[in-house]
């Protein structure tokens, strides 16, 4: 356990585990990076209105089809379809992903 068991190399870029049992989960970083890259591409293409969502990592620009700024519903952890809060976003990003539904019994 611990980041000190990872060995980083710049050229060519690589990460190696020094302990074979080590588990390294980069999904949150990857999703956020993917959202940023896709949003940057859409902006470069002069697309003025979009919402990008990859697994709860969300970035918005402009307005939705109804002409209003995007609104993101945050799920209630203890209800399957409940909404705990609605967040209005005006050219902003938010991370709504969580691990409360990822478990083993």
PDB file of N, CA and C in Angstrom:
ATOM      1  N   UNK A   1       0.842  -1.164   0.000  1.00  0.00           N
ATOM      2  CA  UNK A   1       0.000   0.000   0.000  1.00  0.00           C
ATOM      3  C   UNK A   1       0.895   1.236   0.000  1.00  0.00           C
ATOM      4  N   UNK A   2       0.481   2.287  -0.736  1.00  0.00           N
ATOM      5  CA  UNK A   2       1.210   3.546  -0.709  1.00  0.00           C
ATOM      6  C   UNK A   2       1.813   3.924  -2.047  1.00  0.00           C
ATOM      7  N   UNK A   3       1.773   5.218  -2.317  1.00  0.00           N
ATOM      8  CA  UNK A   3       2.290   5.742  -3.580  1.00  0.00           C
ATOM      9  C   UNK A   3       3.794   5.517  -3.723  1.00  0.00           C
ATOM     10  N   UNK A   4       4.500   5.384  -2.602  1.00  0.00           N
ATOM     11  CA  UNK A   4       5.953   5.181  -2.671  1.00  0.00           C
ATOM     12  C   UNK A   4       6.312   3.844  -3.330  1.00  0.00           C
ATOM     13  N   UNK A   5       5.326   2.978  -3.540  1.00  0.00           N
ATOM     14  CA  UNK A   5       5.547   1.713  -4.242  1.00  0.00           C
ATOM     15  C   UNK A   5       5.325   1.834  -5.748  1.00  0.00           C
ATOM     16  N   UNK A   6       5.187   3.048  -6.235  1.00  0.00           N
ATOM     17  CA  UNK A   6       5.081   3.304  -7.670  1.00  0.00           C
ATOM     18  C   UNK A   6       6.372   3.949  -8.153  1.00  0.00           C
ATOM     19  N   UNK A   7       6.848   3.487  -9.298  1.00  0.00           N
ATOM     20  CA  UNK A   7       8.067   4.036  -9.895  1.00  0.00           C
ATOM     21  C   UNK A   7       7.660   4.747 -11.185  1.00  0.00           C
ATOM     22  N   UNK A   8       8.005   6.019 -11.279  1.00  0.00           N
ATOM     23  CA  UNK A   8       7.627   6.842 -12.434  1.00  0.00           C
ATOM     24  C   UNK A   8       8.830   7.065 -13.344  1.00  0.00           C
ATOM     25  N   UNK A   9       8.554   7.058 -14.653  1.00  0.00           N
ATOM     26  CA  UNK A   9       9.586   7.324 -15.650  1.00  0.00           C
ATOM     27  C   UNK A   9       9.020   8.338 -16.646  1.00  0.00           C
ATOM     28  N   UNK A  10       9.859   9.335 -17.007  1.00  0.00           N
ATOM     29  CA  UNK A  10       9.427  10.378 -17.942  1.00  0.00           C
ATOM     30  C   UNK A  10       9.552   9.966 -19.403  1.00  0.00           C
ATOM     31  N   UNK A  11      10.661   9.300 -19.762  1.00  0.00           N
ATOM     32  CA  UNK A  11      10.913   9.004 -21.164  1.00  0.00           C
ATOM     33  C   UNK A  11      11.285   7.538 -21.359  1.00  0.00           C
ATOM     34  N   UNK A  12      10.475   6.790 -22.077  1.00  0.00           N
ATOM     35  CA  UNK A  12       9.091   7.096 -22.414  1.00  0.00           C
ATOM     36  C   UNK A  12       8.228   7.041 -21.155  1.00  0.00           C
ATOM     37  N   UNK A  13       7.108   7.765 -21.144  1.00  0.00           N
ATOM     38  CA  UNK A  13       6.288   7.827 -19.928  1.00  0.00           C
ATOM     39  C   UNK A  13       5.813   6.442 -19.493  1.00  0.00           C
ATOM     40  N   UNK A  14       5.982   6.156 -18.199  1.00  0.00           N
ATOM     41  CA  UNK A  14       5.554   4.858 -17.675  1.00  0.00           C
ATOM     42  C   UNK A  14       5.439   4.910 -16.158  1.00  0.00           C
ATOM     43  N   UNK A  15       4.610   4.019 -15.633  1.00  0.00           N
ATOM     44  CA  UNK A  15       4.487   3.820 -14.191  1.00  0.00           C
ATOM     45  C   UNK A  15       4.637   2.325 -13.947  1.00  0.00           C
ATOM     46  N   UNK A  16       5.439   1.968 -12.954  1.00  0.00           N
ATOM     47  CA  UNK A  16       5.660   0.564 -12.617  1.00  0.00           C
ATOM     48  C   UNK A  16       5.413   0.360 -11.124  1.00  0.00           C
ATOM     49  N   UNK A  17       4.785  -0.772 -10.788  1.00  0.00           N
ATOM     50  CA  UNK A  17       4.565  -1.122  -9.384  1.00  0.00           C
ATOM     51  C   UNK A  17       5.783  -1.881  -8.865  1.00  0.00           C
ATOM     52  N   UNK A  18       6.278  -1.492  -7.689  1.00  0.00           N
ATOM     53  CA  UNK A  18       7.384  -2.237  -7.100  1.00  0.00           C
ATOM     54  C   UNK A  18       6.882  -3.389  -6.230  1.00  0.00           C
ATOM     55  N   UNK A  19       5.576  -3.409  -5.967  1.00  0.00           N
ATOM     56  CA  UNK A  19       4.927  -4.483  -5.222  1.00  0.00           C
ATOM     57  C   UNK A  19       3.808  -5.014  -6.113  1.00  0.00           C
ATOM     58  N   UNK A  20       3.861  -6.288  -6.470  1.00  0.00           N
ATOM     59  CA  UNK A  20       2.905  -6.824  -7.450  1.00  0.00           C
ATOM     60  C   UNK A  20       1.455  -6.762  -6.967  1.00  0.00           C
ATOM     61  N   UNK A  21       1.215  -6.819  -5.661  1.00  0.00           N
ATOM     62  CA  UNK A  21      -0.146  -6.801  -5.131  1.00  0.00           C
ATOM     63  C   UNK A  21      -0.755  -5.396  -5.086  1.00  0.00           C
ATOM     64  N   UNK A  22       0.030  -4.383  -5.385  1.00  0.00           N
ATOM     65  CA  UNK A  22      -0.438  -2.997  -5.307  1.00  0.00           C
ATOM     66  C   UNK A  22      -1.547  -2.749  -6.317  1.00  0.00           C
ATOM     67  N   UNK A  23      -2.613  -2.094  -5.885  1.00  0.00           N
ATOM     68  CA  UNK A  23      -3.734  -1.731  -6.746  1.00  0.00           C
ATOM     69  C   UNK A  23      -3.715  -0.223  -6.923  1.00  0.00           C
ATOM     70  N   UNK A  24      -3.722   0.229  -8.158  1.00  0.00           N
ATOM     71  CA  UNK A  24      -3.658   1.658  -8.459  1.00  0.00           C
ATOM     72  C   UNK A  24      -4.852   2.026  -9.328  1.00  0.00           C
ATOM     73  N   UNK A  25      -5.761   2.825  -8.797  1.00  0.00           N
ATOM     74  CA  UNK A  25      -6.982   3.199  -9.509  1.00  0.00           C
ATOM     75  C   UNK A  25      -6.887   4.668  -9.919  1.00  0.00           C
ATOM     76  N   UNK A  26      -6.763   4.906 -11.210  1.00  0.00           N
ATOM     77  CA  UNK A  26      -6.637   6.262 -11.742  1.00  0.00           C
ATOM     78  C   UNK A  26      -7.909   6.728 -12.432  1.00  0.00           C
ATOM     79  N   UNK A  27      -9.044   6.061 -12.152  1.00  0.00           N
ATOM     80  CA  UNK A  27     -10.265   6.359 -12.894  1.00  0.00           C
ATOM     81  C   UNK A  27     -10.740   7.794 -12.686  1.00  0.00           C
ATOM     82  N   UNK A  28     -10.644   8.331 -11.486  1.00  0.00           N
ATOM     83  CA  UNK A  28     -11.107   9.709 -11.256  1.00  0.00           C
ATOM     84  C   UNK A  28     -10.261  10.707 -12.042  1.00  0.00           C
ATOM     85  N   UNK A  29      -8.964  10.500 -12.057  1.00  0.00           N
ATOM     86  CA  UNK A  29      -8.079  11.393 -12.800  1.00  0.00           C
ATOM     87  C   UNK A  29      -8.350  11.269 -14.295  1.00  0.00           C
ATOM     88  N   UNK A  30      -8.522  10.045 -14.754  1.00  0.00           N
ATOM     89  CA  UNK A  30      -8.746   9.814 -16.185  1.00  0.00           C
ATOM     90  C   UNK A  30     -10.049  10.442 -16.652  1.00  0.00           C
ATOM     91  N   UNK A  31     -11.120  10.312 -15.869  1.00  0.00           N
ATOM     92  CA  UNK A  31     -12.411  10.888 -16.269  1.00  0.00           C
ATOM     93  C   UNK A  31     -12.334  12.407 -16.320  1.00  0.00           C
ATOM     94  N   UNK A  32     -11.739  13.017 -15.313  1.00  0.00           N
ATOM     95  CA  UNK A  32     -11.604  14.471 -15.304  1.00  0.00           C
ATOM     96  C   UNK A  32     -10.762  14.969 -16.462  1.00  0.00           C
ATOM     97  N   UNK A  33      -9.680  14.274 -16.734  1.00  0.00           N
ATOM     98  CA  UNK A  33      -8.815  14.633 -17.862  1.00  0.00           C
ATOM     99  C   UNK A  33      -9.580  14.503 -19.174  1.00  0.00           C
ATOM    100  N   UNK A  34     -10.329  13.418 -19.322  1.00  0.00           N
ATOM    101  CA  UNK A  34     -11.109  13.205 -20.542  1.00  0.00           C
ATOM    102  C   UNK A  34     -12.146  14.286 -20.759  1.00  0.00           C
ATOM    103  N   UNK A  35     -12.836  14.686 -19.698  1.00  0.00           N
ATOM    104  CA  UNK A  35     -13.829  15.761 -19.793  1.00  0.00           C
ATOM    105  C   UNK A  35     -13.156  17.062 -20.224  1.00  0.00           C
ATOM    106  N   UNK A  36     -12.021  17.382 -19.618  1.00  0.00           N
ATOM    107  CA  UNK A  36     -11.314  18.616 -19.973  1.00  0.00           C
ATOM    108  C   UNK A  36     -10.854  18.599 -21.427  1.00  0.00           C
ATOM    109  N   UNK A  37     -10.340  17.467 -21.890  1.00  0.00           N
ATOM    110  CA  UNK A  37      -9.867  17.365 -23.274  1.00  0.00           C
ATOM    111  C   UNK A  37     -11.021  17.509 -24.265  1.00  0.00           C
ATOM    112  N   UNK A  38     -12.124  16.831 -23.998  1.00  0.00           N
ATOM    113  CA  UNK A  38     -13.272  16.910 -24.896  1.00  0.00           C
ATOM    114  C   UNK A  38     -13.881  18.306 -24.899  1.00  0.00           C
ATOM    115  N   UNK A  39     -13.985  18.934 -23.737  1.00  0.00           N
ATOM    116  CA  UNK A  39     -14.515  20.299 -23.671  1.00  0.00           C
ATOM    117  C   UNK A  39     -13.608  21.258 -24.436  1.00  0.00           C
ATOM    118  N   UNK A  40     -12.309  21.084 -24.304  1.00  0.00           N
ATOM    119  CA  UNK A  40     -11.369  21.924 -25.052  1.00  0.00           C
ATOM    120  C   UNK A  40     -11.529  21.750 -26.554  1.00  0.00           C
ATOM    121  N   UNK A  41     -11.724  20.522 -26.989  1.00  0.00           N
ATOM    122  CA  UNK A  41     -11.938  20.253 -28.413  1.00  0.00           C
ATOM    123  C   UNK A  41     -13.219  20.923 -28.908  1.00  0.00           C
ATOM    124  N   UNK A  42     -14.310  20.792 -28.149  1.00  0.00           N
ATOM    125  CA  UNK A  42     -15.577  21.411 -28.550  1.00  0.00           C
ATOM    126  C   UNK A  42     -15.454  22.923 -28.624  1.00  0.00           C
ATOM    127  N   UNK A  43     -14.749  23.506 -27.682  1.00  0.00           N
ATOM    128  CA  UNK A  43     -14.535  24.956 -27.694  1.00  0.00           C
ATOM    129  C   UNK A  43     -13.716  25.369 -28.914  1.00  0.00           C
ATOM    130  N   UNK A  44     -12.673  24.591 -29.235  1.00  0.00           N
ATOM    131  CA  UNK A  44     -11.864  24.880 -30.427  1.00  0.00           C
ATOM    132  C   UNK A  44     -12.696  24.804 -31.709  1.00  0.00           C
ATOM    133  N   UNK A  45     -13.708  23.963 -31.717  1.00  0.00           N
ATOM    134  CA  UNK A  45     -14.588  23.822 -32.877  1.00  0.00           C
ATOM    135  C   UNK A  45     -15.675  24.902 -32.889  1.00  0.00           C
ATOM    136  N   UNK A  46     -15.560  25.876 -32.003  1.00  0.00           N
ATOM    137  CA  UNK A  46     -16.487  27.003 -31.824  1.00  0.00           C
ATOM    138  C   UNK A  46     -17.911  26.550 -31.495  1.00  0.00           C
ATOM    139  N   UNK A  47     -18.033  25.421 -30.817  1.00  0.00           N
ATOM    140  CA  UNK A  47     -19.337  24.983 -30.309  1.00  0.00           C
ATOM    141  C   UNK A  47     -19.600  25.757 -29.025  1.00  0.00           C
ATOM    142  N   UNK A  48     -20.686  26.492 -29.003  1.00  0.00           N
ATOM    143  CA  UNK A  48     -20.951  27.422 -27.908  1.00  0.00           C
ATOM    144  C   UNK A  48     -21.748  26.814 -26.762  1.00  0.00           C
ATOM    145  N   UNK A  49     -22.490  25.741 -27.009  1.00  0.00           N
ATOM    146  CA  UNK A  49     -23.346  25.158 -25.976  1.00  0.00           C
ATOM    147  C   UNK A  49     -23.108  23.658 -25.882  1.00  0.00           C
ATOM    148  N   UNK A  50     -22.648  23.201 -24.732  1.00  0.00           N
ATOM    149  CA  UNK A  50     -22.455  21.769 -24.534  1.00  0.00           C
ATOM    150  C   UNK A  50     -22.405  21.422 -23.051  1.00  0.00           C
ATOM    151  N   UNK A  51     -22.663  20.159 -22.778  1.00  0.00           N
ATOM    152  CA  UNK A  51     -22.426  19.562 -21.473  1.00  0.00           C
ATOM    153  C   UNK A  51     -21.702  18.246 -21.728  1.00  0.00           C
ATOM    154  N   UNK A  52     -20.547  18.078 -21.103  1.00  0.00           N
ATOM    155  CA  UNK A  52     -19.775  16.849 -21.220  1.00  0.00           C
ATOM    156  C   UNK A  52     -19.841  16.151 -19.867  1.00  0.00           C
ATOM    157  N   UNK A  53     -20.209  14.869 -19.878  1.00  0.00           N
ATOM    158  CA  UNK A  53     -20.308  14.085 -18.644  1.00  0.00           C
ATOM    159  C   UNK A  53     -19.651  12.740 -18.876  1.00  0.00           C
ATOM    160  N   UNK A  54     -18.618  12.456 -18.112  1.00  0.00           N
ATOM    161  CA  UNK A  54     -17.985  11.144 -18.126  1.00  0.00           C
ATOM    162  C   UNK A  54     -18.002  10.629 -16.691  1.00  0.00           C
ATOM    163  N   UNK A  55     -18.943   9.755 -16.420  1.00  0.00           N
ATOM    164  CA  UNK A  55     -19.012   9.108 -15.114  1.00  0.00           C
ATOM    165  C   UNK A  55     -19.147  10.045 -13.930  1.00  0.00           C
ATOM    166  N   UNK A  56     -19.886  11.128 -14.095  1.00  0.00           N
ATOM    167  CA  UNK A  56     -20.097  12.062 -12.990  1.00  0.00           C
ATOM    168  C   UNK A  56     -19.140  13.243 -12.967  1.00  0.00           C
ATOM    169  N   UNK A  57     -18.154  13.237 -13.830  1.00  0.00           N
ATOM    170  CA  UNK A  57     -17.280  14.401 -14.004  1.00  0.00           C
ATOM    171  C   UNK A  57     -17.920  15.217 -15.122  1.00  0.00           C
ATOM    172  N   UNK A  58     -18.343  16.441 -14.821  1.00  0.00           N
ATOM    173  CA  UNK A  58     -19.185  17.216 -15.736  1.00  0.00           C
ATOM    174  C   UNK A  58     -18.571  18.594 -15.984  1.00  0.00           C
ATOM    175  N   UNK A  59     -18.657  19.029 -17.240  1.00  0.00           N
ATOM    176  CA  UNK A  59     -18.236  20.386 -17.601  1.00  0.00           C
ATOM    177  C   UNK A  59     -19.253  20.953 -18.571  1.00  0.00           C
ATOM    178  N   UNK A  60     -19.630  22.207 -18.359  1.00  0.00           N
ATOM    179  CA  UNK A  60     -20.651  22.834 -19.194  1.00  0.00           C
ATOM    180  C   UNK A  60     -20.130  24.118 -19.829  1.00  0.00           C
ATOM    181  N   UNK A  61     -20.809  24.464 -20.915  1.00  0.00           N
ATOM    182  CA  UNK A  61     -20.575  25.755 -21.564  1.00  0.00           C
ATOM    183  C   UNK A  61     -21.892  26.174 -22.202  1.00  0.00           C
ATOM    184  N   UNK A  62     -22.221  27.431 -22.072  1.00  0.00           N
ATOM    185  CA  UNK A  62     -23.430  27.952 -22.702  1.00  0.00           C
ATOM    186  C   UNK A  62     -24.697  27.445 -22.046  1.00  0.00           C
ATOM    187  N   UNK A  63     -25.717  27.222 -22.885  1.00  0.00           N
ATOM    188  CA  UNK A  63     -27.051  26.863 -22.384  1.00  0.00           C
ATOM    189  C   UNK A  63     -27.544  25.583 -23.049  1.00  0.00           C
ATOM    190  N   UNK A  64     -28.568  24.982 -22.437  1.00  0.00           N
ATOM    191  CA  UNK A  64     -29.144  23.753 -23.000  1.00  0.00           C
ATOM    192  C   UNK A  64     -30.134  24.090 -24.115  1.00  0.00           C
ATOM    193  N   UNK A  65     -30.799  23.070 -24.656  1.00  0.00           N
ATOM    194  CA  UNK A  65     -31.720  23.269 -25.784  1.00  0.00           C
ATOM    195  C   UNK A  65     -32.889  24.170 -25.422  1.00  0.00           C
ATOM    196  N   UNK A  66     -33.218  24.261 -24.131  1.00  0.00           N
ATOM    197  CA  UNK A  66     -34.300  25.142 -23.691  1.00  0.00           C
ATOM    198  C   UNK A  66     -33.873  26.586 -23.501  1.00  0.00           C
ATOM    199  N   UNK A  67     -32.589  26.861 -23.738  1.00  0.00           N
ATOM    200  CA  UNK A  67     -32.099  28.238 -23.635  1.00  0.00           C
ATOM    201  C   UNK A  67     -31.748  28.678 -22.223  1.00  0.00           C
ATOM    202  N   UNK A  68     -31.634  27.735 -21.293  1.00  0.00           N
ATOM    203  CA  UNK A  68     -31.251  28.080 -19.910  1.00  0.00           C
ATOM    204  C   UNK A  68     -29.925  27.402 -19.578  1.00  0.00           C
ATOM    205  N   UNK A  69     -29.231  27.983 -18.587  1.00  0.00           N
ATOM    206  CA  UNK A  69     -27.969  27.374 -18.179  1.00  0.00           C
ATOM    207  C   UNK A  69     -28.230  25.968 -17.636  1.00  0.00           C
ATOM    208  N   UNK A  70     -27.236  25.116 -17.782  1.00  0.00           N
ATOM    209  CA  UNK A  70     -27.344  23.713 -17.389  1.00  0.00           C
ATOM    210  C   UNK A  70     -27.627  23.578 -15.898  1.00  0.00           C
ATOM    211  N   UNK A  71     -28.411  22.574 -15.538  1.00  0.00           N
ATOM    212  CA  UNK A  71     -28.692  22.241 -14.141  1.00  0.00           C
ATOM    213  C   UNK A  71     -28.364  20.767 -13.943  1.00  0.00           C
ATOM    214  N   UNK A  72     -27.568  20.486 -12.928  1.00  0.00           N
ATOM    215  CA  UNK A  72     -27.106  19.129 -12.673  1.00  0.00           C
ATOM    216  C   UNK A  72     -27.746  18.621 -11.382  1.00  0.00           C
ATOM    217  N   UNK A  73     -28.411  17.483 -11.463  1.00  0.00           N
ATOM    218  CA  UNK A  73     -29.011  16.869 -10.284  1.00  0.00           C
ATOM    219  C   UNK A  73     -28.024  15.935  -9.613  1.00  0.00           C
ATOM    220  N   UNK A  74     -27.851  16.101  -8.301  1.00  0.00           N
ATOM    221  CA  UNK A  74     -26.960  15.242  -7.521  1.00  0.00           C
ATOM    222  C   UNK A  74     -27.821  14.203  -6.821  1.00  0.00           C
ATOM    223  N   UNK A  75     -27.515  12.936  -7.056  1.00  0.00           N
ATOM    224  CA  UNK A  75     -28.319  11.839  -6.519  1.00  0.00           C
ATOM    225  C   UNK A  75     -28.228  11.757  -5.001  1.00  0.00           C
ATOM    226  N   UNK A  76     -29.328  11.332  -4.401  1.00  0.00           N
ATOM    227  CA  UNK A  76     -29.366  11.053  -2.972  1.00  0.00           C
ATOM    228  C   UNK A  76     -28.778   9.661  -2.755  1.00  0.00           C
ATOM    229  N   UNK A  77     -27.759   9.522  -1.909  1.00  0.00           N
ATOM    230  CA  UNK A  77     -27.093   8.223  -1.758  1.00  0.00           C
ATOM    231  C   UNK A  77     -28.000   7.082  -1.299  1.00  0.00           C
ATOM    232  N   UNK A  78     -28.985   7.363  -0.489  1.00  0.00           N
ATOM    233  CA  UNK A  78     -29.791   6.280   0.066  1.00  0.00           C
ATOM    234  C   UNK A  78     -31.093   6.017  -0.685  1.00  0.00           C
ATOM    235  N   UNK A  79     -31.298   6.692  -1.803  1.00  0.00           N
ATOM    236  CA  UNK A  79     -32.482   6.452  -2.623  1.00  0.00           C
ATOM    237  C   UNK A  79     -32.040   6.167  -4.051  1.00  0.00           C
ATOM    238  N   UNK A  80     -32.701   5.208  -4.683  1.00  0.00           N
ATOM    239  CA  UNK A  80     -32.280   4.818  -6.026  1.00  0.00           C
ATOM    240  C   UNK A  80     -32.458   5.934  -7.053  1.00  0.00           C
ATOM    241  N   UNK A  81     -33.560   6.683  -6.976  1.00  0.00           N
ATOM    242  CA  UNK A  81     -33.823   7.721  -7.979  1.00  0.00           C
ATOM    243  C   UNK A  81     -34.019   9.101  -7.358  1.00  0.00           C
ATOM    244  N   UNK A  82     -33.605   9.293  -6.117  1.00  0.00           N
ATOM    245  CA  UNK A  82     -33.786  10.579  -5.452  1.00  0.00           C
ATOM    246  C   UNK A  82     -32.760  11.606  -5.880  1.00  0.00           C
ATOM    247  N   UNK A  83     -33.151  12.874  -5.832  1.00  0.00           N
ATOM    248  CA  UNK A  83     -32.239  13.978  -6.132  1.00  0.00           C
ATOM    249  C   UNK A  83     -32.063  14.790  -4.867  1.00  0.00           C
ATOM    250  N   UNK A  84     -30.831  14.879  -4.413  1.00  0.00           N
ATOM    251  CA  UNK A  84     -30.507  15.582  -3.180  1.00  0.00           C
ATOM    252  C   UNK A  84     -30.423  17.085  -3.378  1.00  0.00           C
ATOM    253  N   UNK A  85     -29.867  17.492  -4.512  1.00  0.00           N
ATOM    254  CA  UNK A  85     -29.654  18.912  -4.782  1.00  0.00           C
ATOM    255  C   UNK A  85     -29.537  19.116  -6.280  1.00  0.00           C
ATOM    256  N   UNK A  86     -29.966  20.271  -6.750  1.00  0.00           N
ATOM    257  CA  UNK A  86     -29.793  20.659  -8.147  1.00  0.00           C
ATOM    258  C   UNK A  86     -28.800  21.822  -8.168  1.00  0.00           C
ATOM    259  N   UNK A  87     -27.766  21.660  -8.964  1.00  0.00           N
ATOM    260  CA  UNK A  87     -26.709  22.666  -9.043  1.00  0.00           C
ATOM    261  C   UNK A  87     -26.782  23.361 -10.404  1.00  0.00           C
ATOM    262  N   UNK A  88     -27.012  24.684 -10.420  1.00  0.00           N
ATOM    263  CA  UNK A  88     -26.973  25.399 -11.698  1.00  0.00           C
ATOM    264  C   UNK A  88     -25.514  25.666 -12.088  1.00  0.00           C
ATOM    265  N   UNK A  89     -25.177  25.396 -13.348  1.00  0.00           N
ATOM    266  CA  UNK A  89     -23.813  25.621 -13.819  1.00  0.00           C
ATOM    267  C   UNK A  89     -23.814  26.586 -14.994  1.00  0.00           C
ATOM    268  N   UNK A  90     -22.998  27.618 -14.878  1.00  0.00           N
ATOM    269  CA  UNK A  90     -22.844  28.591 -15.945  1.00  0.00           C
ATOM    270  C   UNK A  90     -21.378  28.595 -16.363  1.00  0.00           C
ATOM    271  N   UNK A  91     -21.071  27.798 -17.399  1.00  0.00           N
ATOM    272  CA  UNK A  91     -19.693  27.673 -17.881  1.00  0.00           C
ATOM    273  C   UNK A  91     -18.752  27.208 -16.770  1.00  0.00           C
ATOM    274  N   UNK A  92     -19.152  26.138 -16.095  1.00  0.00           N
ATOM    275  CA  UNK A  92     -18.391  25.622 -14.970  1.00  0.00           C
ATOM    276  C   UNK A  92     -18.279  24.102 -15.049  1.00  0.00           C
ATOM    277  N   UNK A  93     -17.537  23.556 -14.098  1.00  0.00           N
ATOM    278  CA  UNK A  93     -17.390  22.109 -13.993  1.00  0.00           C
ATOM    279  C   UNK A  93     -17.717  21.679 -12.576  1.00  0.00           C
ATOM    280  N   UNK A  94     -18.137  20.408 -12.448  1.00  0.00           N
ATOM    281  CA  UNK A  94     -18.421  19.849 -11.131  1.00  0.00           C
ATOM    282  C   UNK A  94     -18.168  18.346 -11.189  1.00  0.00           C
ATOM    283  N   UNK A  95     -17.744  17.793 -10.070  1.00  0.00           N
ATOM    284  CA  UNK A  95     -17.572  16.342  -9.961  1.00  0.00           C
ATOM    285  C   UNK A  95     -18.669  15.823  -9.041  1.00  0.00           C
ATOM    286  N   UNK A  96     -19.546  14.992  -9.588  1.00  0.00           N
ATOM    287  CA  UNK A  96     -20.650  14.443  -8.798  1.00  0.00           C
ATOM    288  C   UNK A  96     -20.470  12.960  -8.528  1.00  0.00           C
ATOM    289  N   UNK A  97     -19.376  12.387  -9.016  1.00  0.00           N
ATOM    290  CA  UNK A  97     -19.183  10.951  -8.840  1.00  0.00           C
ATOM    291  C   UNK A  97     -18.884  10.643  -7.375  1.00  0.00           C
ATOM    292  N   UNK A  98     -19.285   9.465  -6.968  1.00  0.00           N
ATOM    293  CA  UNK A  98     -19.029   9.018  -5.614  1.00  0.00           C
ATOM    294  C   UNK A  98     -18.895   7.510  -5.588  1.00  0.00           C
ATOM    295  N   UNK A  99     -18.482   6.990  -4.452  1.00  0.00           N
ATOM    296  CA  UNK A  99     -18.290   5.546  -4.365  1.00  0.00           C
ATOM    297  C   UNK A  99     -19.320   4.873  -3.461  1.00  0.00           C
ATOM    298  N   UNK A 100     -20.356   5.594  -3.072  1.00  0.00           N
ATOM    299  CA  UNK A 100     -21.320   5.026  -2.136  1.00  0.00           C
ATOM    300  C   UNK A 100     -22.143   3.892  -2.728  1.00  0.00           C
ATOM    301  N   UNK A 101     -22.131   3.712  -4.036  1.00  0.00           N
ATOM    302  CA  UNK A 101     -22.831   2.584  -4.655  1.00  0.00           C
ATOM    303  C   UNK A 101     -21.877   1.494  -5.126  1.00  0.00           C
ATOM    304  N   UNK A 102     -20.591   1.676  -4.876  1.00  0.00           N
ATOM    305  CA  UNK A 102     -19.581   0.698  -5.270  1.00  0.00           C
ATOM    306  C   UNK A 102     -19.130  -0.066  -4.036  1.00  0.00           C
ATOM    307  N   UNK A 103     -19.668  -1.250  -3.843  1.00  0.00           N
ATOM    308  CA  UNK A 103     -19.305  -2.028  -2.664  1.00  0.00           C
ATOM    309  C   UNK A 103     -19.524  -3.508  -2.919  1.00  0.00           C
ATOM    310  N   UNK A 104     -18.940  -4.330  -2.067  1.00  0.00           N
ATOM    311  CA  UNK A 104     -19.077  -5.781  -2.139  1.00  0.00           C
ATOM    312  C   UNK A 104     -19.693  -6.278  -0.849  1.00  0.00           C
ATOM    313  N   UNK A 105     -20.520  -7.301  -0.944  1.00  0.00           N
ATOM    314  CA  UNK A 105     -21.071  -7.936   0.257  1.00  0.00           C
ATOM    315  C   UNK A 105     -20.603  -9.374   0.312  1.00  0.00           C
TER     316      UNK A 105
END
